[in-house]
Amino acid sequence: MIAGVAISGFFLSGIPDNEGVRWGVIALLLVTTAIQGVALWPIQWKDAPEPRVFASFANRTPGQMHQEALATVLGAYTHNLGPLLRKGRTTNVAVAAEALALAVLVVGRAVWG
C-alpha cells in the first residue's frame, strides 16, 4: 500500500497539461486504490493449531500429537487457501491497473509533453 501511494505521488508530479490524460491517470489511480482496499480487507484466518487445542496435546505421545496437529494444520490450510488466492489475484489486478496508469502517463507525456 505504501508503494502504491509513493508511485501515485510520482505519477501525479509527471502528468502533462492535457485534461484527458490528467483525468485518465487520476481515474486509474482511484481504481487502483479501490482494488487495493479490497485486497487489504480483513479476512478471518484460521490458525493451526489453535492454542487451546494445542495445550490439550500435552498429555499425549509425540506420535499422537503429530497426528492431531497435522489434522488441524491441514484444516486451516484448506480454510485459508481460498481467501489467500483471492487476495493474491486482487493484488495482481491492482498492479495491472497501476501499470496501465503508468502507460497512460508515459504515452500522454510523449504525445502532449
Protein backbone atom coordinates (compact mmCIF):
# COMPACT_ATOMS: atom_id res chain seq x y z
CA MET A 1 0.00 0.00 0.00
CA ILE A 2 2.85 2.39 0.83
CA ALA A 3 4.48 1.60 -2.51
CA GLY A 4 1.18 2.39 -4.24
CA VAL A 5 0.99 5.79 -2.55
CA ALA A 6 4.63 6.56 -3.41
CA ILE A 7 4.15 5.54 -7.03
CA SER A 8 0.93 7.55 -7.25
CA GLY A 9 2.74 10.65 -5.98
CA PHE A 10 5.38 10.12 -8.66
CA PHE A 11 2.65 9.78 -11.28
CA LEU A 12 0.87 12.95 -10.20
CA SER A 13 4.04 15.01 -10.46
CA GLY A 14 4.56 13.99 -14.09
CA ILE A 15 1.07 14.42 -15.54
CA PRO A 16 1.09 16.61 -18.67
CA ASP A 17 -1.25 19.59 -19.05
CA ASN A 18 -3.72 17.65 -21.23
CA GLU A 19 -7.04 17.28 -19.39
CA GLY A 20 -7.82 13.82 -20.84
CA VAL A 21 -4.50 12.38 -19.74
CA ARG A 22 -4.74 14.03 -16.33
CA TRP A 23 -8.21 12.66 -15.58
CA GLY A 24 -7.36 9.28 -17.11
CA VAL A 25 -4.37 8.84 -14.81
CA ILE A 26 -6.28 10.11 -11.77
CA ALA A 27 -9.23 7.79 -12.54
CA LEU A 28 -6.91 4.79 -12.92
CA LEU A 29 -5.16 5.65 -9.64
CA LEU A 30 -8.55 5.85 -7.89
CA VAL A 31 -9.47 2.45 -9.34
CA THR A 32 -6.13 1.08 -8.13
CA THR A 33 -6.76 2.47 -4.66
CA ALA A 34 -10.19 0.83 -4.54
CA ILE A 35 -8.78 -2.51 -5.69
CA GLN A 36 -6.01 -2.33 -3.08
CA GLY A 37 -8.64 -1.58 -0.44
CA VAL A 38 -10.48 -4.75 -1.42
CA ALA A 39 -7.21 -6.72 -1.36
CA LEU A 40 -6.38 -5.44 2.12
CA TRP A 41 -9.88 -6.06 3.51
CA PRO A 42 -9.55 -8.08 6.72
CA ILE A 43 -10.17 -11.79 6.44
CA GLN A 44 -10.82 -14.14 9.32
CA TRP A 45 -7.92 -16.54 9.07
CA LYS A 46 -7.94 -19.89 10.78
CA ASP A 47 -4.88 -20.52 12.94
CA ALA A 48 -3.46 -24.00 13.31
CA PRO A 49 -3.23 -25.48 15.75
CA GLU A 50 -5.41 -23.34 17.93
CA PRO A 51 -3.72 -22.62 21.28
CA ARG A 52 -6.33 -24.35 23.47
CA VAL A 53 -6.34 -27.42 21.26
CA PHE A 54 -2.54 -27.43 21.21
CA ALA A 55 -2.45 -27.32 25.02
CA SER A 56 -4.67 -30.40 25.13
CA PHE A 57 -1.98 -32.35 23.24
CA ALA A 58 0.41 -32.13 26.21
CA ASN A 59 -0.63 -35.44 27.76
CA ARG A 60 -0.31 -37.44 24.53
CA THR A 61 2.59 -39.30 22.98
CA PRO A 62 4.61 -37.50 20.30
CA GLY A 63 3.02 -39.64 17.58
CA GLN A 64 -0.49 -38.77 18.71
CA MET A 65 0.46 -35.11 18.96
CA HIS A 66 1.71 -35.14 15.36
CA GLN A 67 -1.47 -36.81 14.10
CA GLU A 68 -3.73 -34.35 15.88
CA ALA A 69 -1.67 -31.31 14.92
CA LEU A 70 -1.44 -32.38 11.28
CA ALA A 71 -5.23 -32.60 11.04
CA THR A 72 -5.66 -29.05 12.38
CA VAL A 73 -2.90 -27.69 10.13
CA LEU A 74 -4.48 -29.26 7.04
CA GLY A 75 -7.90 -27.94 8.07
CA ALA A 76 -6.52 -24.42 8.44
CA TYR A 77 -4.72 -24.71 5.12
CA THR A 78 -7.95 -25.69 3.39
CA HIS A 79 -9.85 -22.85 5.10
CA ASN A 80 -7.21 -20.19 4.33
CA LEU A 81 -6.43 -21.19 0.74
CA GLY A 82 -9.47 -19.53 -0.88
CA PRO A 83 -9.09 -16.13 0.80
CA LEU A 84 -5.33 -16.18 0.19
CA LEU A 85 -5.81 -16.85 -3.53
CA ARG A 86 -8.42 -14.07 -3.75
CA LYS A 87 -6.04 -11.62 -2.05
CA GLY A 88 -3.26 -12.58 -4.46
CA ARG A 89 -5.44 -12.20 -7.53
CA THR A 90 -6.84 -8.86 -6.35
CA THR A 91 -3.33 -7.57 -5.68
CA ASN A 92 -2.27 -8.63 -9.19
CA VAL A 93 -5.24 -6.73 -10.67
CA ALA A 94 -4.21 -3.64 -8.66
CA VAL A 95 -0.66 -3.91 -10.02
CA ALA A 96 -2.03 -4.22 -13.57
CA ALA A 97 -4.18 -1.10 -13.07
CA GLU A 98 -1.14 0.77 -11.73
CA ALA A 99 0.85 -0.34 -14.79
CA LEU A 100 -1.96 0.87 -17.05
CA ALA A 101 -1.88 4.26 -15.30
CA LEU A 102 1.86 4.40 -15.92
CA ALA A 103 1.36 3.53 -19.58
CA VAL A 104 -1.27 6.28 -19.96
CA LEU A 105 1.09 8.73 -18.29
CA VAL A 106 4.06 7.78 -20.47
CA VAL A 107 2.06 7.93 -23.69
CA GLY A 108 0.37 11.18 -22.65
CA ARG A 109 3.74 12.67 -21.74
CA ALA A 110 5.24 11.61 -25.07
CA VAL A 111 2.34 12.95 -27.13
CA TRP A 112 1.38 16.11 -25.22
CA GLY A 113 4.60 16.79 -23.33
